[in-house]
C-alpha cells in the first residue's frame, strides 16, 4: 500500500468498531482517522504539502458535522491532485438520493455501515481491492 486509508467518521462507536476490524486485517497502523470533512481536507492539504502521506483510499461517512461526506467527495473530485484517489462512502443512510448523489459526484463505492460479520467482510474485500489496485497502479 502506498499510503494510508483516510477514514472520515464522526461517530466514536462506529469508528472504534471499524478500526478494530481493520486492525484485525493488519491495516490498523495504516489508517488516519479524521472526524469530519474539514479535518479530512486539512489532512489532504498537509499531504499535498508533503507533511503527511497521501492516502491510497478515502473511506467517509455521509452524515457528519461541519462538512459532510458528499461535500468532501465533491471537493476531492474537483481537485486535480486528489481526484484519482479512490473514494468509498460508508454510511448508515438508506436514502436513495444519497446513493445517487454519491454516484454522480464520483464515489467509487457506496456501502451501508456493517452490522454483522458478512458486512465487515464485504467492506474488507472492497478496501483490500482498492488498495491492491493502488499498489499495482
N, C-alpha and C. Protein backbone atom coordinates (compact mmCIF):
# COMPACT_ATOMS: atom_id res chain seq x y z
N UNK A 1 0.85 -1.16 0.00
CA UNK A 1 0.00 0.00 0.00
C UNK A 1 0.90 1.22 0.00
N UNK A 2 0.63 2.15 -0.87
CA UNK A 2 1.46 3.32 -0.97
C UNK A 2 1.18 4.35 0.10
N UNK A 3 -0.06 4.52 0.50
CA UNK A 3 -0.42 5.49 1.53
C UNK A 3 -1.46 4.89 2.44
N UNK A 4 -1.85 5.65 3.46
CA UNK A 4 -2.83 5.14 4.42
C UNK A 4 -4.25 5.18 3.87
N UNK A 5 -5.15 4.60 4.62
CA UNK A 5 -6.58 4.78 4.39
C UNK A 5 -6.97 6.01 5.21
N UNK A 6 -7.56 7.00 4.58
CA UNK A 6 -8.07 8.17 5.29
C UNK A 6 -9.52 7.86 5.64
N UNK A 7 -9.79 7.64 6.92
CA UNK A 7 -11.11 7.24 7.41
C UNK A 7 -11.75 8.47 8.04
N UNK A 8 -12.91 8.87 7.54
CA UNK A 8 -13.58 10.09 7.97
C UNK A 8 -14.91 9.68 8.62
N UNK A 9 -14.95 9.76 9.95
CA UNK A 9 -16.11 9.27 10.70
C UNK A 9 -16.24 10.05 12.00
N UNK A 10 -17.45 10.58 12.27
CA UNK A 10 -17.65 11.36 13.48
C UNK A 10 -18.19 10.54 14.65
N UNK A 11 -18.74 9.38 14.41
CA UNK A 11 -19.33 8.57 15.47
C UNK A 11 -18.26 7.69 16.12
N UNK A 12 -18.04 7.89 17.41
CA UNK A 12 -16.99 7.15 18.12
C UNK A 12 -17.21 5.64 18.09
N UNK A 13 -18.45 5.20 18.31
CA UNK A 13 -18.73 3.76 18.32
C UNK A 13 -18.45 3.14 16.95
N UNK A 14 -18.93 3.81 15.90
CA UNK A 14 -18.69 3.29 14.54
C UNK A 14 -17.21 3.25 14.21
N UNK A 15 -16.50 4.32 14.57
CA UNK A 15 -15.07 4.36 14.24
C UNK A 15 -14.30 3.30 15.02
N UNK A 16 -14.63 3.12 16.31
CA UNK A 16 -13.92 2.11 17.10
C UNK A 16 -14.16 0.70 16.54
N UNK A 17 -15.39 0.41 16.17
CA UNK A 17 -15.73 -0.91 15.63
C UNK A 17 -15.02 -1.15 14.30
N UNK A 18 -15.08 -0.17 13.42
CA UNK A 18 -14.45 -0.32 12.10
C UNK A 18 -12.94 -0.39 12.23
N UNK A 19 -12.35 0.47 13.08
CA UNK A 19 -10.90 0.44 13.28
C UNK A 19 -10.45 -0.89 13.87
N UNK A 20 -11.24 -1.45 14.76
CA UNK A 20 -10.92 -2.75 15.34
C UNK A 20 -10.89 -3.82 14.24
N UNK A 21 -11.87 -3.77 13.35
CA UNK A 21 -11.91 -4.74 12.26
C UNK A 21 -10.72 -4.54 11.31
N UNK A 22 -10.43 -3.29 10.98
CA UNK A 22 -9.29 -3.01 10.09
C UNK A 22 -7.98 -3.43 10.75
N UNK A 23 -7.91 -3.28 12.05
CA UNK A 23 -6.73 -3.73 12.79
C UNK A 23 -6.55 -5.24 12.64
N UNK A 24 -7.64 -5.98 12.74
CA UNK A 24 -7.59 -7.44 12.58
C UNK A 24 -7.12 -7.85 11.18
N UNK A 25 -7.34 -6.97 10.20
CA UNK A 25 -6.88 -7.23 8.84
C UNK A 25 -5.42 -6.84 8.65
N UNK A 26 -4.83 -6.23 9.68
CA UNK A 26 -3.45 -5.78 9.58
C UNK A 26 -3.33 -4.38 9.00
N UNK A 27 -4.44 -3.64 8.90
CA UNK A 27 -4.41 -2.30 8.32
C UNK A 27 -4.45 -1.19 9.36
N UNK A 28 -4.62 -1.55 10.62
CA UNK A 28 -4.83 -0.55 11.66
C UNK A 28 -3.77 0.52 11.73
N UNK A 29 -2.52 0.15 11.54
CA UNK A 29 -1.45 1.15 11.62
C UNK A 29 -1.39 2.02 10.37
N UNK A 30 -2.16 1.66 9.35
CA UNK A 30 -2.17 2.41 8.09
C UNK A 30 -3.48 3.16 7.89
N UNK A 31 -4.14 3.53 8.99
CA UNK A 31 -5.40 4.27 8.93
C UNK A 31 -5.21 5.61 9.63
N UNK A 32 -5.60 6.67 8.94
CA UNK A 32 -5.62 8.01 9.53
C UNK A 32 -7.08 8.38 9.76
N UNK A 33 -7.47 8.64 11.00
CA UNK A 33 -8.84 8.96 11.35
C UNK A 33 -9.03 10.46 11.47
N UNK A 34 -10.04 10.97 10.77
CA UNK A 34 -10.47 12.36 10.94
C UNK A 34 -11.97 12.32 11.26
N UNK A 35 -12.48 13.38 11.86
CA UNK A 35 -13.85 13.37 12.40
C UNK A 35 -14.89 14.05 11.52
N UNK A 36 -14.47 14.74 10.46
CA UNK A 36 -15.42 15.40 9.56
C UNK A 36 -14.69 15.82 8.29
N UNK A 37 -15.43 16.35 7.34
CA UNK A 37 -14.83 16.73 6.07
C UNK A 37 -13.79 17.83 6.18
N UNK A 38 -13.97 18.75 7.11
CA UNK A 38 -12.98 19.83 7.30
C UNK A 38 -11.65 19.24 7.76
N UNK A 39 -11.70 18.34 8.75
CA UNK A 39 -10.45 17.70 9.21
C UNK A 39 -9.83 16.87 8.09
N UNK A 40 -10.65 16.22 7.29
CA UNK A 40 -10.12 15.42 6.17
C UNK A 40 -9.44 16.32 5.15
N UNK A 41 -10.05 17.46 4.83
CA UNK A 41 -9.42 18.39 3.89
C UNK A 41 -8.12 18.94 4.44
N UNK A 42 -8.08 19.18 5.75
CA UNK A 42 -6.84 19.64 6.38
C UNK A 42 -5.75 18.57 6.21
N UNK A 43 -6.11 17.31 6.46
CA UNK A 43 -5.15 16.22 6.28
C UNK A 43 -4.67 16.18 4.83
N UNK A 44 -5.60 16.27 3.88
CA UNK A 44 -5.23 16.21 2.46
C UNK A 44 -4.35 17.38 2.05
N UNK A 45 -4.61 18.56 2.62
CA UNK A 45 -3.76 19.73 2.34
C UNK A 45 -2.34 19.49 2.85
N UNK A 46 -2.23 18.91 4.06
CA UNK A 46 -0.90 18.60 4.59
C UNK A 46 -0.20 17.56 3.72
N UNK A 47 -0.97 16.59 3.22
CA UNK A 47 -0.38 15.56 2.34
C UNK A 47 0.13 16.19 1.05
N UNK A 48 -0.62 17.12 0.50
CA UNK A 48 -0.17 17.77 -0.73
C UNK A 48 1.08 18.62 -0.51
N UNK A 49 1.27 19.10 0.72
CA UNK A 49 2.48 19.87 1.06
C UNK A 49 3.63 18.96 1.46
N UNK A 50 3.40 17.65 1.48
CA UNK A 50 4.44 16.70 1.85
C UNK A 50 4.59 16.50 3.35
N UNK A 51 3.63 16.98 4.12
CA UNK A 51 3.70 16.87 5.58
C UNK A 51 3.00 15.63 6.11
N UNK A 52 2.31 14.92 5.26
CA UNK A 52 1.61 13.68 5.61
C UNK A 52 1.58 12.83 4.34
N UNK A 53 1.30 11.56 4.51
CA UNK A 53 1.24 10.67 3.35
C UNK A 53 -0.10 10.83 2.63
N UNK A 54 -0.04 10.92 1.31
CA UNK A 54 -1.24 10.98 0.50
C UNK A 54 -1.98 9.64 0.63
N UNK A 55 -3.26 9.65 0.93
CA UNK A 55 -3.95 8.39 1.14
C UNK A 55 -4.10 7.56 -0.13
N UNK A 56 -4.11 6.25 0.06
CA UNK A 56 -4.37 5.33 -1.04
C UNK A 56 -5.87 5.17 -1.24
N UNK A 57 -6.66 5.54 -0.22
CA UNK A 57 -8.11 5.38 -0.24
C UNK A 57 -8.72 6.32 0.78
N UNK A 58 -9.86 6.91 0.43
CA UNK A 58 -10.64 7.70 1.37
C UNK A 58 -11.93 6.93 1.65
N UNK A 59 -12.20 6.71 2.92
CA UNK A 59 -13.38 6.00 3.39
C UNK A 59 -14.15 6.98 4.26
N UNK A 60 -15.34 7.43 3.81
CA UNK A 60 -16.02 8.51 4.52
C UNK A 60 -17.50 8.24 4.75
N UNK A 61 -17.93 8.63 5.93
CA UNK A 61 -19.35 8.66 6.27
C UNK A 61 -19.99 9.83 5.52
N UNK A 62 -21.31 9.82 5.43
CA UNK A 62 -22.01 10.95 4.81
C UNK A 62 -22.42 11.97 5.86
N UNK A 63 -23.14 11.53 6.85
CA UNK A 63 -23.75 12.43 7.84
C UNK A 63 -22.73 12.79 8.92
N UNK A 64 -22.12 13.99 8.76
CA UNK A 64 -21.14 14.47 9.73
C UNK A 64 -21.31 15.98 9.90
N UNK A 65 -20.89 16.51 11.05
CA UNK A 65 -20.96 17.96 11.25
C UNK A 65 -19.87 18.69 10.45
N UNK A 66 -20.03 19.96 10.33
CA UNK A 66 -19.08 20.88 9.70
C UNK A 66 -19.00 20.71 8.19
N UNK A 67 -18.69 19.51 7.70
CA UNK A 67 -18.71 19.22 6.27
C UNK A 67 -19.02 17.74 6.13
N UNK A 68 -20.10 17.43 5.41
CA UNK A 68 -20.47 16.03 5.29
C UNK A 68 -19.65 15.31 4.22
N UNK A 69 -19.84 14.02 4.15
CA UNK A 69 -19.04 13.20 3.24
C UNK A 69 -19.27 13.49 1.77
N UNK A 70 -20.49 13.87 1.40
CA UNK A 70 -20.75 14.20 0.00
C UNK A 70 -20.08 15.51 -0.39
N UNK A 71 -20.06 16.48 0.53
CA UNK A 71 -19.34 17.73 0.27
C UNK A 71 -17.85 17.46 0.14
N UNK A 72 -17.33 16.59 1.00
CA UNK A 72 -15.92 16.21 0.92
C UNK A 72 -15.63 15.54 -0.42
N UNK A 73 -16.47 14.61 -0.81
CA UNK A 73 -16.30 13.93 -2.11
C UNK A 73 -16.26 14.93 -3.25
N UNK A 74 -17.17 15.89 -3.23
CA UNK A 74 -17.21 16.91 -4.28
C UNK A 74 -15.91 17.71 -4.32
N UNK A 75 -15.39 18.07 -3.15
CA UNK A 75 -14.13 18.84 -3.09
C UNK A 75 -12.95 18.02 -3.57
N UNK A 76 -12.91 16.74 -3.20
CA UNK A 76 -11.81 15.87 -3.63
C UNK A 76 -11.85 15.69 -5.14
N UNK A 77 -13.02 15.44 -5.70
CA UNK A 77 -13.13 15.22 -7.14
C UNK A 77 -12.85 16.49 -7.95
N UNK A 78 -13.02 17.67 -7.33
CA UNK A 78 -12.75 18.93 -8.01
C UNK A 78 -11.27 19.29 -8.01
N UNK A 79 -10.46 18.59 -7.24
CA UNK A 79 -9.04 18.90 -7.13
C UNK A 79 -8.25 17.93 -8.01
N UNK A 80 -7.57 18.46 -9.01
CA UNK A 80 -6.81 17.61 -9.95
C UNK A 80 -5.73 16.78 -9.28
N UNK A 81 -5.23 17.22 -8.14
CA UNK A 81 -4.18 16.48 -7.44
C UNK A 81 -4.73 15.36 -6.56
N UNK A 82 -6.04 15.41 -6.30
CA UNK A 82 -6.67 14.43 -5.40
C UNK A 82 -7.71 13.54 -6.09
N UNK A 83 -8.19 13.96 -7.25
CA UNK A 83 -9.34 13.28 -7.83
C UNK A 83 -9.11 11.83 -8.25
N UNK A 84 -7.89 11.37 -8.27
CA UNK A 84 -7.62 9.98 -8.61
C UNK A 84 -7.63 9.04 -7.41
N UNK A 85 -7.79 9.58 -6.21
CA UNK A 85 -7.81 8.74 -5.01
C UNK A 85 -9.17 8.04 -4.93
N UNK A 86 -9.19 6.72 -4.83
CA UNK A 86 -10.48 6.03 -4.68
C UNK A 86 -11.21 6.54 -3.44
N UNK A 87 -12.53 6.70 -3.58
CA UNK A 87 -13.35 7.26 -2.52
C UNK A 87 -14.53 6.32 -2.26
N UNK A 88 -14.56 5.75 -1.06
CA UNK A 88 -15.66 4.87 -0.64
C UNK A 88 -16.55 5.62 0.34
N UNK A 89 -17.84 5.59 0.09
CA UNK A 89 -18.81 6.12 1.03
C UNK A 89 -19.26 4.97 1.90
N UNK A 90 -19.19 5.16 3.21
CA UNK A 90 -19.61 4.15 4.19
C UNK A 90 -20.60 4.85 5.12
N UNK A 91 -21.88 4.48 5.01
CA UNK A 91 -22.90 5.26 5.69
C UNK A 91 -24.04 4.41 6.23
N UNK A 92 -24.75 4.96 7.16
CA UNK A 92 -25.97 4.31 7.65
C UNK A 92 -27.19 4.79 6.84
N UNK A 93 -26.99 5.77 5.99
CA UNK A 93 -28.09 6.33 5.21
C UNK A 93 -28.64 5.29 4.23
N UNK A 94 -29.94 5.16 4.24
CA UNK A 94 -30.62 4.28 3.28
C UNK A 94 -31.35 5.12 2.23
N UNK A 95 -31.09 6.41 2.23
CA UNK A 95 -31.74 7.34 1.31
C UNK A 95 -31.16 7.17 -0.10
N UNK A 96 -32.01 6.80 -1.03
CA UNK A 96 -31.56 6.57 -2.41
C UNK A 96 -30.99 7.86 -3.02
N UNK A 97 -31.44 9.01 -2.54
CA UNK A 97 -30.88 10.28 -3.06
C UNK A 97 -29.41 10.41 -2.70
N UNK A 98 -29.03 9.94 -1.49
CA UNK A 98 -27.61 9.98 -1.10
C UNK A 98 -26.79 9.07 -2.01
N UNK A 99 -27.29 7.85 -2.24
CA UNK A 99 -26.58 6.92 -3.12
C UNK A 99 -26.43 7.50 -4.53
N UNK A 100 -27.50 8.06 -5.03
CA UNK A 100 -27.48 8.64 -6.37
C UNK A 100 -26.51 9.82 -6.46
N UNK A 101 -26.56 10.69 -5.46
CA UNK A 101 -25.66 11.85 -5.46
C UNK A 101 -24.21 11.41 -5.35
N UNK A 102 -23.94 10.43 -4.51
CA UNK A 102 -22.57 9.92 -4.37
C UNK A 102 -22.07 9.40 -5.72
N UNK A 103 -22.91 8.69 -6.44
CA UNK A 103 -22.52 8.20 -7.77
C UNK A 103 -22.26 9.34 -8.74
N UNK A 104 -23.14 10.34 -8.74
CA UNK A 104 -22.96 11.49 -9.65
C UNK A 104 -21.67 12.25 -9.33
N UNK A 105 -21.31 12.30 -8.05
CA UNK A 105 -20.12 13.05 -7.64
C UNK A 105 -18.83 12.26 -7.84
N UNK A 106 -18.95 10.97 -8.15
CA UNK A 106 -17.76 10.20 -8.47
C UNK A 106 -17.29 9.23 -7.40
N UNK A 107 -18.17 8.83 -6.48
CA UNK A 107 -17.78 7.82 -5.49
C UNK A 107 -17.48 6.51 -6.20
N UNK A 108 -16.44 5.85 -5.77
CA UNK A 108 -16.07 4.56 -6.35
C UNK A 108 -16.88 3.42 -5.76
N UNK A 109 -17.41 3.64 -4.56
CA UNK A 109 -18.17 2.60 -3.88
C UNK A 109 -19.09 3.26 -2.87
N UNK A 110 -20.23 2.61 -2.60
CA UNK A 110 -21.20 3.10 -1.63
C UNK A 110 -21.67 1.90 -0.84
N UNK A 111 -21.33 1.85 0.44
CA UNK A 111 -21.71 0.72 1.29
C UNK A 111 -22.47 1.18 2.51
N UNK A 112 -23.43 0.36 2.94
CA UNK A 112 -24.07 0.58 4.23
C UNK A 112 -23.06 0.21 5.31
N UNK A 113 -23.10 0.91 6.44
CA UNK A 113 -22.22 0.57 7.55
C UNK A 113 -22.52 -0.86 7.99
N UNK A 114 -21.49 -1.65 8.14
CA UNK A 114 -21.70 -3.05 8.52
C UNK A 114 -22.30 -3.19 9.91
N UNK A 115 -23.15 -4.19 10.05
CA UNK A 115 -23.73 -4.51 11.35
C UNK A 115 -23.47 -5.95 11.74
N UNK A 116 -22.81 -6.68 10.83
CA UNK A 116 -22.51 -8.09 11.12
C UNK A 116 -21.22 -8.48 10.40
N UNK A 117 -20.79 -9.71 10.63
CA UNK A 117 -19.53 -10.18 10.05
C UNK A 117 -19.56 -10.14 8.52
N UNK A 118 -20.68 -10.52 7.93
CA UNK A 118 -20.78 -10.51 6.46
C UNK A 118 -20.58 -9.09 5.91
N UNK A 119 -21.16 -8.11 6.59
CA UNK A 119 -20.99 -6.72 6.16
C UNK A 119 -19.56 -6.25 6.29
N UNK A 120 -18.91 -6.63 7.37
CA UNK A 120 -17.49 -6.26 7.54
C UNK A 120 -16.61 -7.00 6.53
N UNK A 121 -16.96 -8.23 6.21
CA UNK A 121 -16.20 -8.97 5.20
C UNK A 121 -16.32 -8.30 3.83
N UNK A 122 -17.52 -7.80 3.49
CA UNK A 122 -17.70 -7.09 2.22
C UNK A 122 -16.90 -5.79 2.22
N UNK A 123 -16.94 -5.07 3.34
CA UNK A 123 -16.15 -3.84 3.45
C UNK A 123 -14.66 -4.15 3.28
N UNK A 124 -14.19 -5.18 3.96
CA UNK A 124 -12.78 -5.55 3.88
C UNK A 124 -12.40 -5.91 2.45
N UNK A 125 -13.23 -6.67 1.77
CA UNK A 125 -12.93 -7.08 0.40
C UNK A 125 -12.80 -5.85 -0.50
N UNK A 126 -13.70 -4.89 -0.34
CA UNK A 126 -13.63 -3.69 -1.17
C UNK A 126 -12.40 -2.85 -0.84
N UNK A 127 -12.12 -2.68 0.44
CA UNK A 127 -10.93 -1.90 0.82
C UNK A 127 -9.67 -2.56 0.28
N UNK A 128 -9.54 -3.85 0.50
CA UNK A 128 -8.34 -4.55 0.02
C UNK A 128 -8.24 -4.50 -1.50
N UNK A 129 -9.38 -4.58 -2.18
CA UNK A 129 -9.37 -4.46 -3.64
C UNK A 129 -8.85 -3.11 -4.11
N UNK A 130 -9.33 -2.04 -3.48
CA UNK A 130 -8.85 -0.70 -3.85
C UNK A 130 -7.36 -0.55 -3.54
N UNK A 131 -6.91 -1.09 -2.42
CA UNK A 131 -5.51 -0.97 -2.05
C UNK A 131 -4.62 -1.79 -2.99
N UNK A 132 -5.09 -2.92 -3.44
CA UNK A 132 -4.34 -3.73 -4.42
C UNK A 132 -4.18 -2.96 -5.73
N UNK A 133 -5.27 -2.31 -6.18
CA UNK A 133 -5.20 -1.50 -7.41
C UNK A 133 -4.22 -0.36 -7.24
N UNK A 134 -4.23 0.28 -6.07
CA UNK A 134 -3.32 1.40 -5.82
C UNK A 134 -1.88 0.91 -5.84
N UNK A 135 -1.64 -0.26 -5.26
CA UNK A 135 -0.30 -0.81 -5.21
C UNK A 135 0.18 -1.16 -6.61
N UNK A 136 -0.72 -1.71 -7.43
CA UNK A 136 -0.34 -2.15 -8.78
C UNK A 136 -0.22 -0.98 -9.75
N UNK A 137 -1.00 0.07 -9.51
CA UNK A 137 -1.08 1.15 -10.47
C UNK A 137 -0.14 2.24 -10.23
